Amino acid sequence: HAIGFTKPDVRAFRHVLDALGLEGPEVF
C-alpha cells in the first residue's frame, strides 16, 4: 500500500532492494 505496486510486480521487489541497498542475488 505504501510502495504502490504489489507482488509479483518486479517494481515491488526493486523497491525493497533499493531500500535495503542490496542486489537480487543477495536475497532469499
mmCIF file of all heavy atoms, coordinates in Angstrom:
data_MODEL
# 
_entry.id   MODEL 
# 
loop_
_atom_site.group_PDB 
_atom_site.id 
_atom_site.type_symbol 
_atom_site.label_atom_id 
_atom_site.label_alt_id 
_atom_site.label_comp_id 
_atom_site.label_asym_id 
_atom_site.label_entity_id 
_atom_site.label_seq_id 
_atom_site.pdbx_PDB_ins_code 
_atom_site.Cartn_x 
_atom_site.Cartn_y 
_atom_site.Cartn_z 
_atom_site.occupancy 
_atom_site.B_iso_or_equiv 
_atom_site.pdbx_formal_charge 
_atom_site.auth_seq_id 
_atom_site.auth_comp_id 
_atom_site.auth_asym_id 
_atom_site.auth_atom_id 
_atom_site.pdbx_PDB_model_num 
ATOM 1   N N   . HIS A 1 1  ? 0.829  -1.209  0.000   1.00 0.00 ? 1  HIS A N   1 
ATOM 2   C CA  . HIS A 1 1  ? 0.000  0.000   0.000   1.00 0.00 ? 1  HIS A CA  1 
ATOM 3   C C   . HIS A 1 1  ? 0.862  1.256   0.000   1.00 0.00 ? 1  HIS A C   1 
ATOM 4   O O   . HIS A 1 1  ? 0.465  2.288   -0.525  1.00 0.00 ? 1  HIS A O   1 
ATOM 5   C CB  . HIS A 1 1  ? -0.942 0.012   1.211   1.00 0.00 ? 1  HIS A CB  1 
ATOM 6   C CG  . HIS A 1 1  ? -0.326 0.545   2.462   1.00 0.00 ? 1  HIS A CG  1 
ATOM 7   N ND1 . HIS A 1 1  ? 0.452  -0.229  3.305   1.00 0.00 ? 1  HIS A ND1 1 
ATOM 8   C CD2 . HIS A 1 1  ? -0.323 1.790   3.002   1.00 0.00 ? 1  HIS A CD2 1 
ATOM 9   C CE1 . HIS A 1 1  ? 0.888  0.513   4.314   1.00 0.00 ? 1  HIS A CE1 1 
ATOM 10  N NE2 . HIS A 1 1  ? 0.426  1.735   4.167   1.00 0.00 ? 1  HIS A NE2 1 
ATOM 11  N N   . ALA A 1 2  ? 2.044  1.165   0.602   1.00 0.00 ? 2  ALA A N   1 
ATOM 12  C CA  . ALA A 1 2  ? 2.964  2.304   0.650   1.00 0.00 ? 2  ALA A CA  1 
ATOM 13  C C   . ALA A 1 2  ? 3.871  2.349   -0.574  1.00 0.00 ? 2  ALA A C   1 
ATOM 14  O O   . ALA A 1 2  ? 4.316  3.428   -0.989  1.00 0.00 ? 2  ALA A O   1 
ATOM 15  C CB  . ALA A 1 2  ? 3.804  2.239   1.921   1.00 0.00 ? 2  ALA A CB  1 
ATOM 16  N N   . ILE A 1 3  ? 4.145  1.186   -1.167  1.00 0.00 ? 3  ILE A N   1 
ATOM 17  C CA  . ILE A 1 3  ? 5.021  1.117   -2.349  1.00 0.00 ? 3  ILE A CA  1 
ATOM 18  C C   . ILE A 1 3  ? 4.280  1.544   -3.609  1.00 0.00 ? 3  ILE A C   1 
ATOM 19  O O   . ILE A 1 3  ? 4.838  2.197   -4.489  1.00 0.00 ? 3  ILE A O   1 
ATOM 20  C CB  . ILE A 1 3  ? 5.565  -0.317  -2.519  1.00 0.00 ? 3  ILE A CB  1 
ATOM 21  C CG1 . ILE A 1 3  ? 6.406  -0.731  -1.304  1.00 0.00 ? 3  ILE A CG1 1 
ATOM 22  C CG2 . ILE A 1 3  ? 6.380  -0.450  -3.812  1.00 0.00 ? 3  ILE A CG2 1 
ATOM 23  C CD1 . ILE A 1 3  ? 6.790  -2.200  -1.305  1.00 0.00 ? 3  ILE A CD1 1 
ATOM 24  N N   . GLY A 1 4  ? 3.000  1.146   -3.694  1.00 0.00 ? 4  GLY A N   1 
ATOM 25  C CA  . GLY A 1 4  ? 2.208  1.445   -4.882  1.00 0.00 ? 4  GLY A CA  1 
ATOM 26  C C   . GLY A 1 4  ? 2.180  0.335   -5.905  1.00 0.00 ? 4  GLY A C   1 
ATOM 27  O O   . GLY A 1 4  ? 1.503  0.437   -6.927  1.00 0.00 ? 4  GLY A O   1 
ATOM 28  N N   . PHE A 1 5  ? 2.898  -0.751  -5.630  1.00 0.00 ? 5  PHE A N   1 
ATOM 29  C CA  . PHE A 1 5  ? 2.922  -1.932  -6.506  1.00 0.00 ? 5  PHE A CA  1 
ATOM 30  C C   . PHE A 1 5  ? 2.817  -3.175  -5.634  1.00 0.00 ? 5  PHE A C   1 
ATOM 31  O O   . PHE A 1 5  ? 3.330  -3.206  -4.514  1.00 0.00 ? 5  PHE A O   1 
ATOM 32  C CB  . PHE A 1 5  ? 4.210  -1.978  -7.330  1.00 0.00 ? 5  PHE A CB  1 
ATOM 33  C CG  . PHE A 1 5  ? 4.414  -0.786  -8.207  1.00 0.00 ? 5  PHE A CG  1 
ATOM 34  C CD1 . PHE A 1 5  ? 5.335  0.194   -7.860  1.00 0.00 ? 5  PHE A CD1 1 
ATOM 35  C CD2 . PHE A 1 5  ? 3.682  -0.632  -9.372  1.00 0.00 ? 5  PHE A CD2 1 
ATOM 36  C CE1 . PHE A 1 5  ? 5.534  1.306   -8.665  1.00 0.00 ? 5  PHE A CE1 1 
ATOM 37  C CE2 . PHE A 1 5  ? 3.874  0.480   -10.192 1.00 0.00 ? 5  PHE A CE2 1 
ATOM 38  C CZ  . PHE A 1 5  ? 4.795  1.453   -9.825  1.00 0.00 ? 5  PHE A CZ  1 
ATOM 39  N N   . THR A 1 6  ? 2.190  -4.206  -6.162  1.00 0.00 ? 6  THR A N   1 
ATOM 40  C CA  . THR A 1 6  ? 2.009  -5.442  -5.427  1.00 0.00 ? 6  THR A CA  1 
ATOM 41  C C   . THR A 1 6  ? 2.849  -6.563  -6.029  1.00 0.00 ? 6  THR A C   1 
ATOM 42  O O   . THR A 1 6  ? 3.183  -6.535  -7.217  1.00 0.00 ? 6  THR A O   1 
ATOM 43  C CB  . THR A 1 6  ? 0.532  -5.887  -5.445  1.00 0.00 ? 6  THR A CB  1 
ATOM 44  O OG1 . THR A 1 6  ? 0.100  -6.047  -6.812  1.00 0.00 ? 6  THR A OG1 1 
ATOM 45  C CG2 . THR A 1 6  ? -0.365 -4.874  -4.754  1.00 0.00 ? 6  THR A CG2 1 
ATOM 46  N N   . LYS A 1 7  ? 3.196  -7.533  -5.189  1.00 0.00 ? 7  LYS A N   1 
ATOM 47  C CA  . LYS A 1 7  ? 3.815  -8.755  -5.707  1.00 0.00 ? 7  LYS A CA  1 
ATOM 48  C C   . LYS A 1 7  ? 2.829  -9.425  -6.657  1.00 0.00 ? 7  LYS A C   1 
ATOM 49  O O   . LYS A 1 7  ? 1.632  -9.411  -6.375  1.00 0.00 ? 7  LYS A O   1 
ATOM 50  C CB  . LYS A 1 7  ? 4.128  -9.718  -4.552  1.00 0.00 ? 7  LYS A CB  1 
ATOM 51  C CG  . LYS A 1 7  ? 5.101  -9.202  -3.528  1.00 0.00 ? 7  LYS A CG  1 
ATOM 52  C CD  . LYS A 1 7  ? 5.223  -10.176 -2.336  1.00 0.00 ? 7  LYS A CD  1 
ATOM 53  C CE  . LYS A 1 7  ? 3.939  -10.272 -1.542  1.00 0.00 ? 7  LYS A CE  1 
ATOM 54  N NZ  . LYS A 1 7  ? 4.045  -11.164 -0.372  1.00 0.00 ? 7  LYS A NZ  1 
ATOM 55  N N   . PRO A 1 8  ? 3.251  -9.989  -7.758  1.00 0.00 ? 8  PRO A N   1 
ATOM 56  C CA  . PRO A 1 8  ? 4.640  -10.272 -8.141  1.00 0.00 ? 8  PRO A CA  1 
ATOM 57  C C   . PRO A 1 8  ? 5.297  -9.200  -9.004  1.00 0.00 ? 8  PRO A C   1 
ATOM 58  O O   . PRO A 1 8  ? 6.331  -9.469  -9.616  1.00 0.00 ? 8  PRO A O   1 
ATOM 59  C CB  . PRO A 1 8  ? 4.497  -11.565 -8.928  1.00 0.00 ? 8  PRO A CB  1 
ATOM 60  C CG  . PRO A 1 8  ? 3.175  -11.392 -9.635  1.00 0.00 ? 8  PRO A CG  1 
ATOM 61  C CD  . PRO A 1 8  ? 2.290  -10.680 -8.638  1.00 0.00 ? 8  PRO A CD  1 
ATOM 62  N N   . ASP A 1 9  ? 4.733  -8.002  -9.062  1.00 0.00 ? 9  ASP A N   1 
ATOM 63  C CA  . ASP A 1 9  ? 5.319  -6.928  -9.880  1.00 0.00 ? 9  ASP A CA  1 
ATOM 64  C C   . ASP A 1 9  ? 6.771  -6.716  -9.477  1.00 0.00 ? 9  ASP A C   1 
ATOM 65  O O   . ASP A 1 9  ? 7.083  -6.507  -8.301  1.00 0.00 ? 9  ASP A O   1 
ATOM 66  C CB  . ASP A 1 9  ? 4.517  -5.640  -9.668  1.00 0.00 ? 9  ASP A CB  1 
ATOM 67  C CG  . ASP A 1 9  ? 4.841  -4.566  -10.692 1.00 0.00 ? 9  ASP A CG  1 
ATOM 68  O OD1 . ASP A 1 9  ? 6.039  -4.345  -10.967 1.00 0.00 ? 9  ASP A OD1 1 
ATOM 69  O OD2 . ASP A 1 9  ? 3.902  -3.930  -11.203 1.00 0.00 ? 9  ASP A OD2 1 
ATOM 70  N N   . VAL A 1 10 ? 7.647  -6.745  -10.448 1.00 0.00 ? 10 VAL A N   1 
ATOM 71  C CA  . VAL A 1 10 ? 9.071  -6.600  -10.184 1.00 0.00 ? 10 VAL A CA  1 
ATOM 72  C C   . VAL A 1 10 ? 9.381  -5.275  -9.496  1.00 0.00 ? 10 VAL A C   1 
ATOM 73  O O   . VAL A 1 10 ? 10.355 -5.161  -8.733  1.00 0.00 ? 10 VAL A O   1 
ATOM 74  C CB  . VAL A 1 10 ? 9.875  -6.762  -11.492 1.00 0.00 ? 10 VAL A CB  1 
ATOM 75  C CG1 . VAL A 1 10 ? 9.649  -5.572  -12.412 1.00 0.00 ? 10 VAL A CG1 1 
ATOM 76  C CG2 . VAL A 1 10 ? 11.354 -6.948  -11.199 1.00 0.00 ? 10 VAL A CG2 1 
ATOM 77  N N   . ARG A 1 11 ? 8.532  -4.265  -9.707  1.00 0.00 ? 11 ARG A N   1 
ATOM 78  C CA  . ARG A 1 11 ? 8.772  -2.959  -9.097  1.00 0.00 ? 11 ARG A CA  1 
ATOM 79  C C   . ARG A 1 11 ? 8.617  -2.995  -7.575  1.00 0.00 ? 11 ARG A C   1 
ATOM 80  O O   . ARG A 1 11 ? 9.281  -2.223  -6.875  1.00 0.00 ? 11 ARG A O   1 
ATOM 81  C CB  . ARG A 1 11 ? 7.850  -1.918  -9.717  1.00 0.00 ? 11 ARG A CB  1 
ATOM 82  C CG  . ARG A 1 11 ? 8.204  -1.598  -11.166 1.00 0.00 ? 11 ARG A CG  1 
ATOM 83  C CD  . ARG A 1 11 ? 7.141  -0.765  -11.832 1.00 0.00 ? 11 ARG A CD  1 
ATOM 84  N NE  . ARG A 1 11 ? 5.916  -1.524  -12.055 1.00 0.00 ? 11 ARG A NE  1 
ATOM 85  C CZ  . ARG A 1 11 ? 4.861  -1.056  -12.730 1.00 0.00 ? 11 ARG A CZ  1 
ATOM 86  N NH1 . ARG A 1 11 ? 4.899  0.170   -13.249 1.00 0.00 ? 11 ARG A NH1 1 
ATOM 87  N NH2 . ARG A 1 11 ? 3.786  -1.801  -12.897 1.00 0.00 ? 11 ARG A NH2 1 
ATOM 88  N N   . ALA A 1 12 ? 7.790  -3.881  -7.065  1.00 0.00 ? 12 ALA A N   1 
ATOM 89  C CA  . ALA A 1 12 ? 7.675  -4.021  -5.614  1.00 0.00 ? 12 ALA A CA  1 
ATOM 90  C C   . ALA A 1 12 ? 8.976  -4.571  -5.040  1.00 0.00 ? 12 ALA A C   1 
ATOM 91  O O   . ALA A 1 12 ? 9.473  -4.089  -4.003  1.00 0.00 ? 12 ALA A O   1 
ATOM 92  C CB  . ALA A 1 12 ? 6.509  -4.942  -5.270  1.00 0.00 ? 12 ALA A CB  1 
ATOM 93  N N   . PHE A 1 13 ? 9.536  -5.564  -5.710  1.00 0.00 ? 13 PHE A N   1 
ATOM 94  C CA  . PHE A 1 13 ? 10.794 -6.152  -5.236  1.00 0.00 ? 13 PHE A CA  1 
ATOM 95  C C   . PHE A 1 13 ? 11.966 -5.182  -5.422  1.00 0.00 ? 13 PHE A C   1 
ATOM 96  O O   . PHE A 1 13 ? 12.858 -5.113  -4.571  1.00 0.00 ? 13 PHE A O   1 
ATOM 97  C CB  . PHE A 1 13 ? 11.061 -7.465  -5.968  1.00 0.00 ? 13 PHE A CB  1 
ATOM 98  C CG  . PHE A 1 13 ? 10.080 -8.542  -5.637  1.00 0.00 ? 13 PHE A CG  1 
ATOM 99  C CD1 . PHE A 1 13 ? 9.005  -8.804  -6.470  1.00 0.00 ? 13 PHE A CD1 1 
ATOM 100 C CD2 . PHE A 1 13 ? 10.220 -9.301  -4.481  1.00 0.00 ? 13 PHE A CD2 1 
ATOM 101 C CE1 . PHE A 1 13 ? 8.090  -9.802  -6.165  1.00 0.00 ? 13 PHE A CE1 1 
ATOM 102 C CE2 . PHE A 1 13 ? 9.320  -10.294 -4.172  1.00 0.00 ? 13 PHE A CE2 1 
ATOM 103 C CZ  . PHE A 1 13 ? 8.243  -10.546 -5.004  1.00 0.00 ? 13 PHE A CZ  1 
ATOM 104 N N   . ARG A 1 14 ? 11.955 -4.430  -6.505  1.00 0.00 ? 14 ARG A N   1 
ATOM 105 C CA  . ARG A 1 14 ? 13.014 -3.453  -6.730  1.00 0.00 ? 14 ARG A CA  1 
ATOM 106 C C   . ARG A 1 14 ? 12.999 -2.394  -5.633  1.00 0.00 ? 14 ARG A C   1 
ATOM 107 O O   . ARG A 1 14 ? 14.052 -1.946  -5.168  1.00 0.00 ? 14 ARG A O   1 
ATOM 108 C CB  . ARG A 1 14 ? 12.854 -2.816  -8.115  1.00 0.00 ? 14 ARG A CB  1 
ATOM 109 C CG  . ARG A 1 14 ? 13.794 -1.644  -8.404  1.00 0.00 ? 14 ARG A CG  1 
ATOM 110 C CD  . ARG A 1 14 ? 15.243 -1.958  -8.136  1.00 0.00 ? 14 ARG A CD  1 
ATOM 111 N NE  . ARG A 1 14 ? 15.772 -2.988  -9.023  1.00 0.00 ? 14 ARG A NE  1 
ATOM 112 C CZ  . ARG A 1 14 ? 16.962 -3.559  -8.859  1.00 0.00 ? 14 ARG A CZ  1 
ATOM 113 N NH1 . ARG A 1 14 ? 17.725 -3.221  -7.827  1.00 0.00 ? 14 ARG A NH1 1 
ATOM 114 N NH2 . ARG A 1 14 ? 17.381 -4.479  -9.691  1.00 0.00 ? 14 ARG A NH2 1 
ATOM 115 N N   . HIS A 1 15 ? 11.823 -1.998  -5.201  1.00 0.00 ? 15 HIS A N   1 
ATOM 116 C CA  . HIS A 1 15 ? 11.711 -1.034  -4.100  1.00 0.00 ? 15 HIS A CA  1 
ATOM 117 C C   . HIS A 1 15 ? 12.403 -1.561  -2.847  1.00 0.00 ? 15 HIS A C   1 
ATOM 118 O O   . HIS A 1 15 ? 13.143 -0.833  -2.175  1.00 0.00 ? 15 HIS A O   1 
ATOM 119 C CB  . HIS A 1 15 ? 10.235 -0.764  -3.797  1.00 0.00 ? 15 HIS A CB  1 
ATOM 120 C CG  . HIS A 1 15 ? 10.009 0.142   -2.634  1.00 0.00 ? 15 HIS A CG  1 
ATOM 121 N ND1 . HIS A 1 15 ? 9.855  1.501   -2.761  1.00 0.00 ? 15 HIS A ND1 1 
ATOM 122 C CD2 . HIS A 1 15 ? 9.929  -0.113  -1.291  1.00 0.00 ? 15 HIS A CD2 1 
ATOM 123 C CE1 . HIS A 1 15 ? 9.688  2.041   -1.568  1.00 0.00 ? 15 HIS A CE1 1 
ATOM 124 N NE2 . HIS A 1 15 ? 9.731  1.087   -0.658  1.00 0.00 ? 15 HIS A NE2 1 
ATOM 125 N N   . VAL A 1 16 ? 12.177 -2.831  -2.537  1.00 0.00 ? 16 VAL A N   1 
ATOM 126 C CA  . VAL A 1 16 ? 12.798 -3.434  -1.353  1.00 0.00 ? 16 VAL A CA  1 
ATOM 127 C C   . VAL A 1 16 ? 14.311 -3.461  -1.492  1.00 0.00 ? 16 VAL A C   1 
ATOM 128 O O   . VAL A 1 16 ? 15.051 -3.098  -0.559  1.00 0.00 ? 16 VAL A O   1 
ATOM 129 C CB  . VAL A 1 16 ? 12.241 -4.854  -1.126  1.00 0.00 ? 16 VAL A CB  1 
ATOM 130 C CG1 . VAL A 1 16 ? 13.026 -5.576  -0.035  1.00 0.00 ? 16 VAL A CG1 1 
ATOM 131 C CG2 . VAL A 1 16 ? 10.762 -4.789  -0.769  1.00 0.00 ? 16 VAL A CG2 1 
ATOM 132 N N   . LEU A 1 17 ? 14.791 -3.894  -2.649  1.00 0.00 ? 17 LEU A N   1 
ATOM 133 C CA  . LEU A 1 17 ? 16.241 -3.956  -2.862  1.00 0.00 ? 17 LEU A CA  1 
ATOM 134 C C   . LEU A 1 17 ? 16.884 -2.585  -2.722  1.00 0.00 ? 17 LEU A C   1 
ATOM 135 O O   . LEU A 1 17 ? 17.926 -2.434  -2.068  1.00 0.00 ? 17 LEU A O   1 
ATOM 136 C CB  . LEU A 1 17 ? 16.547 -4.538  -4.242  1.00 0.00 ? 17 LEU A CB  1 
ATOM 137 C CG  . LEU A 1 17 ? 16.187 -6.007  -4.465  1.00 0.00 ? 17 LEU A CG  1 
ATOM 138 C CD1 . LEU A 1 17 ? 16.499 -6.410  -5.896  1.00 0.00 ? 17 LEU A CD1 1 
ATOM 139 C CD2 . LEU A 1 17 ? 16.921 -6.914  -3.491  1.00 0.00 ? 17 LEU A CD2 1 
ATOM 140 N N   . ASP A 1 18 ? 16.265 -1.584  -3.320  1.00 0.00 ? 18 ASP A N   1 
ATOM 141 C CA  . ASP A 1 18 ? 16.820 -0.241  -3.242  1.00 0.00 ? 18 ASP A CA  1 
ATOM 142 C C   . ASP A 1 18 ? 16.833 0.266   -1.802  1.00 0.00 ? 18 ASP A C   1 
ATOM 143 O O   . ASP A 1 18 ? 17.808 0.894   -1.360  1.00 0.00 ? 18 ASP A O   1 
ATOM 144 C CB  . ASP A 1 18 ? 16.027 0.719   -4.130  1.00 0.00 ? 18 ASP A CB  1 
ATOM 145 C CG  . ASP A 1 18 ? 16.233 0.457   -5.619  1.00 0.00 ? 18 ASP A CG  1 
ATOM 146 O OD1 . ASP A 1 18 ? 17.183 -0.280  -5.964  1.00 0.00 ? 18 ASP A OD1 1 
ATOM 147 O OD2 . ASP A 1 18 ? 15.434 0.968   -6.426  1.00 0.00 ? 18 ASP A OD2 1 
ATOM 148 N N   . ALA A 1 19 ? 15.756 0.006   -1.073  1.00 0.00 ? 19 ALA A N   1 
ATOM 149 C CA  . ALA A 1 19 ? 15.670 0.475   0.310   1.00 0.00 ? 19 ALA A CA  1 
ATOM 150 C C   . ALA A 1 19 ? 16.705 -0.197  1.203   1.00 0.00 ? 19 ALA A C   1 
ATOM 151 O O   . ALA A 1 19 ? 17.235 0.430   2.131   1.00 0.00 ? 19 ALA A O   1 
ATOM 152 C CB  . ALA A 1 19 ? 14.266 0.227   0.859   1.00 0.00 ? 19 ALA A CB  1 
ATOM 153 N N   . LEU A 1 20 ? 17.002 -1.457  0.927   1.00 0.00 ? 20 LEU A N   1 
ATOM 154 C CA  . LEU A 1 20 ? 17.954 -2.202  1.749   1.00 0.00 ? 20 LEU A CA  1 
ATOM 155 C C   . LEU A 1 20 ? 19.384 -2.113  1.226   1.00 0.00 ? 20 LEU A C   1 
ATOM 156 O O   . LEU A 1 20 ? 20.312 -2.598  1.898   1.00 0.00 ? 20 LEU A O   1 
ATOM 157 C CB  . LEU A 1 20 ? 17.527 -3.676  1.832   1.00 0.00 ? 20 LEU A CB  1 
ATOM 158 C CG  . LEU A 1 20 ? 16.185 -3.951  2.513   1.00 0.00 ? 20 LEU A CG  1 
ATOM 159 C CD1 . LEU A 1 20 ? 15.857 -5.442  2.454   1.00 0.00 ? 20 LEU A CD1 1 
ATOM 160 C CD2 . LEU A 1 20 ? 16.171 -3.452  3.963   1.00 0.00 ? 20 LEU A CD2 1 
ATOM 161 N N   . GLY A 1 21 ? 19.561 -1.543  0.044   1.00 0.00 ? 21 GLY A N   1 
ATOM 162 C CA  . GLY A 1 21 ? 20.900 -1.448  -0.535  1.00 0.00 ? 21 GLY A CA  1 
ATOM 163 C C   . GLY A 1 21 ? 21.461 -2.784  -0.947  1.00 0.00 ? 21 GLY A C   1 
ATOM 164 O O   . GLY A 1 21 ? 22.657 -3.049  -0.791  1.00 0.00 ? 21 GLY A O   1 
ATOM 165 N N   . LEU A 1 22 ? 20.611 -3.626  -1.516  1.00 0.00 ? 22 LEU A N   1 
ATOM 166 C CA  . LEU A 1 22 ? 21.010 -4.979  -1.891  1.00 0.00 ? 22 LEU A CA  1 
ATOM 167 C C   . LEU A 1 22 ? 20.745 -5.227  -3.370  1.00 0.00 ? 22 LEU A C   1 
ATOM 168 O O   . LEU A 1 22 ? 19.972 -4.518  -4.012  1.00 0.00 ? 22 LEU A O   1 
ATOM 169 C CB  . LEU A 1 22 ? 20.225 -6.006  -1.064  1.00 0.00 ? 22 LEU A CB  1 
ATOM 170 C CG  . LEU A 1 22 ? 20.469 -6.008  0.451   1.00 0.00 ? 22 LEU A CG  1 
ATOM 171 C CD1 . LEU A 1 22 ? 19.420 -6.850  1.149   1.00 0.00 ? 22 LEU A CD1 1 
ATOM 172 C CD2 . LEU A 1 22 ? 21.872 -6.509  0.762   1.00 0.00 ? 22 LEU A CD2 1 
ATOM 173 N N   . GLU A 1 23 ? 21.383 -6.286  -3.888  1.00 0.00 ? 23 GLU A N   1 
ATOM 174 C CA  . GLU A 1 23 ? 21.113 -6.775  -5.231  1.00 0.00 ? 23 GLU A CA  1 
ATOM 175 C C   . GLU A 1 23 ? 20.332 -8.081  -5.135  1.00 0.00 ? 23 GLU A C   1 
ATOM 176 O O   . GLU A 1 23 ? 20.414 -8.791  -4.132  1.00 0.00 ? 23 GLU A O   1 
ATOM 177 C CB  . GLU A 1 23 ? 22.420 -6.992  -6.000  1.00 0.00 ? 23 GLU A CB  1 
ATOM 178 C CG  . GLU A 1 23 ? 23.214 -5.712  -6.230  1.00 0.00 ? 23 GLU A CG  1 
ATOM 179 C CD  . GLU A 1 23 ? 22.463 -4.693  -7.072  1.00 0.00 ? 23 GLU A CD  1 
ATOM 180 O OE1 . GLU A 1 23 ? 21.685 -5.105  -7.958  1.00 0.00 ? 23 GLU A OE1 1 
ATOM 181 O OE2 . GLU A 1 23 ? 22.635 -3.481  -6.835  1.00 0.00 ? 23 GLU A OE2 1 
ATOM 182 N N   . GLY A 1 24 ? 19.592 -8.386  -6.203  1.00 0.00 ? 24 GLY A N   1 
ATOM 183 C CA  . GLY A 1 24 ? 18.742 -9.569  -6.187  1.00 0.00 ? 24 GLY A CA  1 
ATOM 184 C C   . GLY A 1 24 ? 19.423 -10.853 -5.755  1.00 0.00 ? 24 GLY A C   1 
ATOM 185 O O   . GLY A 1 24 ? 18.895 -11.582 -4.900  1.00 0.00 ? 24 GLY A O   1 
ATOM 186 N N   . PRO A 1 25 ? 20.603 -11.185 -6.281  1.00 0.00 ? 25 PRO A N   1 
ATOM 187 C CA  . PRO A 1 25 ? 21.242 -12.444 -5.914  1.00 0.00 ? 25 PRO A CA  1 
ATOM 188 C C   . PRO A 1 25 ? 21.678 -12.531 -4.449  1.00 0.00 ? 25 PRO A C   1 
ATOM 189 O O   . PRO A 1 25 ? 22.035 -13.613 -3.983  1.00 0.00 ? 25 PRO A O   1 
ATOM 190 C CB  . PRO A 1 25 ? 22.461 -12.492 -6.849  1.00 0.00 ? 25 PRO A CB  1 
ATOM 191 C CG  . PRO A 1 25 ? 22.054 -11.684 -8.035  1.00 0.00 ? 25 PRO A CG  1 
ATOM 192 C CD  . PRO A 1 25 ? 21.256 -10.561 -7.454  1.00 0.00 ? 25 PRO A CD  1 
ATOM 193 N N   . GLU A 1 26 ? 21.613 -11.420 -3.743  1.00 0.00 ? 26 GLU A N   1 
ATOM 194 C CA  . GLU A 1 26 ? 21.966 -11.421 -2.324  1.00 0.00 ? 26 GLU A CA  1 
ATOM 195 C C   . GLU A 1 26 ? 20.781 -11.735 -1.421  1.00 0.00 ? 26 GLU A C   1 
ATOM 196 O O   . GLU A 1 26 ? 20.924 -11.792 -0.202  1.00 0.00 ? 26 GLU A O   1 
ATOM 197 C CB  . GLU A 1 26 ? 22.534 -10.047 -1.933  1.00 0.00 ? 26 GLU A CB  1 
ATOM 198 C CG  . GLU A 1 26 ? 23.816 -9.680  -2.648  1.00 0.00 ? 26 GLU A CG  1 
ATOM 199 C CD  . GLU A 1 26 ? 24.287 -8.285  -2.318  1.00 0.00 ? 26 GLU A CD  1 
ATOM 200 O OE1 . GLU A 1 26 ? 23.478 -7.335  -2.427  1.00 0.00 ? 26 GLU A OE1 1 
ATOM 201 O OE2 . GLU A 1 26 ? 25.471 -8.138  -1.933  1.00 0.00 ? 26 GLU A OE2 1 
ATOM 202 N N   . VAL A 1 27 ? 19.606 -11.949 -2.016  1.00 0.00 ? 27 VAL A N   1 
ATOM 203 C CA  . VAL A 1 27 ? 18.376 -12.072 -1.240  1.00 0.00 ? 27 VAL A CA  1 
ATOM 204 C C   . VAL A 1 27 ? 17.687 -13.407 -1.491  1.00 0.00 ? 27 VAL A C   1 
ATOM 205 O O   . VAL A 1 27 ? 17.558 -13.853 -2.628  1.00 0.00 ? 27 VAL A O   1 
ATOM 206 C CB  . VAL A 1 27 ? 17.408 -10.914 -1.572  1.00 0.00 ? 27 VAL A CB  1 
ATOM 207 C CG1 . VAL A 1 27 ? 16.112 -11.046 -0.771  1.00 0.00 ? 27 VAL A CG1 1 
ATOM 208 C CG2 . VAL A 1 27 ? 18.068 -9.572  -1.285  1.00 0.00 ? 27 VAL A CG2 1 
ATOM 209 N N   . PHE A 1 28 ? 17.214 -14.011 -0.406  1.00 0.00 ? 28 PHE A N   1 
ATOM 210 C CA  . PHE A 1 28 ? 16.382 -15.210 -0.435  1.00 0.00 ? 28 PHE A CA  1 
ATOM 211 C C   . PHE A 1 28 ? 14.965 -14.749 -0.094  1.00 0.00 ? 28 PHE A C   1 
ATOM 212 O O   . PHE A 1 28 ? 14.757 -14.083 0.917   1.00 0.00 ? 28 PHE A O   1 
ATOM 213 C CB  . PHE A 1 28 ? 16.896 -16.204 0.604   1.00 0.00 ? 28 PHE A CB  1 
ATOM 214 C CG  . PHE A 1 28 ? 16.136 -17.512 0.675   1.00 0.00 ? 28 PHE A CG  1 
ATOM 215 C CD1 . PHE A 1 28 ? 16.707 -18.674 0.179   1.00 0.00 ? 28 PHE A CD1 1 
ATOM 216 C CD2 . PHE A 1 28 ? 14.885 -17.596 1.270   1.00 0.00 ? 28 PHE A CD2 1 
ATOM 217 C CE1 . PHE A 1 28 ? 16.036 -19.894 0.271   1.00 0.00 ? 28 PHE A CE1 1 
ATOM 218 C CE2 . PHE A 1 28 ? 14.200 -18.799 1.356   1.00 0.00 ? 28 PHE A CE2 1 
ATOM 219 C CZ  . PHE A 1 28 ? 14.783 -19.956 0.852   1.00 0.00 ? 28 PHE A CZ  1 
# 
